[in-house]
Amino acid sequence: MGCRELTVPDSFLFSPAKLTDGRGCFYESYREDALADAVGHGFTVAQTNFSVSSRGVLRGVHGVLLPPGQAKIVTCHRGAILDVVVDTRIGSPTFGTHARNILTAASGEFVYVAEGLGHAFLALTDDTCVGYLCSSRHVPGTQVDINPLDPDLGLDWTMAGEPRLSEKDATAPTLAVAAKAGLLANYDDCVTYYRSLRGDY
């Protein structure tokens, strides 16, 4: 399984090696050891989520307060998505930047998104199914929403025409407003948290 760190630190793209023959293909969609080698610690699945979206549906930018924090493994199981990770950690050297990848069911690739980062995607096909392995359970009131159309983020969502958002995402605050309101994780707190997962303390 191949892996590369994205331009937003602490996010990674994993690409499985496929065995193909006349019947189709087989591949490992997730390996605990490969992920741990890349990110420096293990990943415990506490909750699994799925979403099904029509072409042009935009979901995000979503994150979770730290604490409790939530890392995600995002896979496109059917169709294709434009996947975006946003650095929403105040004080990060790459604060406000993003990393884009096309994830398809055919590729089997997945993106790892560490605690404190924001995530969004645009469905590029009808009946797109996305799966999320989450490191923590959903805790009501801890989700952080950032407006994906925030001009300061500079995210281009035009690949599937005019994007369609939920009312919650369309009315979410900009990154600057969320930062001023104290909704975003602090980069140093995230680094301390990552170290605790690695057992550095």
Foldseek 3Di string as FASTA:
>chain_A
DDKDAFPQPLKMKDFWDWDQDPVGIDTDLDDQVVVCVVLVFGFDFPDKDKDWFAAQAKDFQKAFDPVVWKKKKKAWQAAKKWKKKAQLAPPDPRHLEMGTDIHHNNRSMIMIGGTQITIMIGGHHHGIMMMMGMRHDDDPPGMATAQPVQVSSVDDSPNRHHHDYDPCNNPHHHSVVCVVVVNGHHPVVRVVVSCVSNVVD
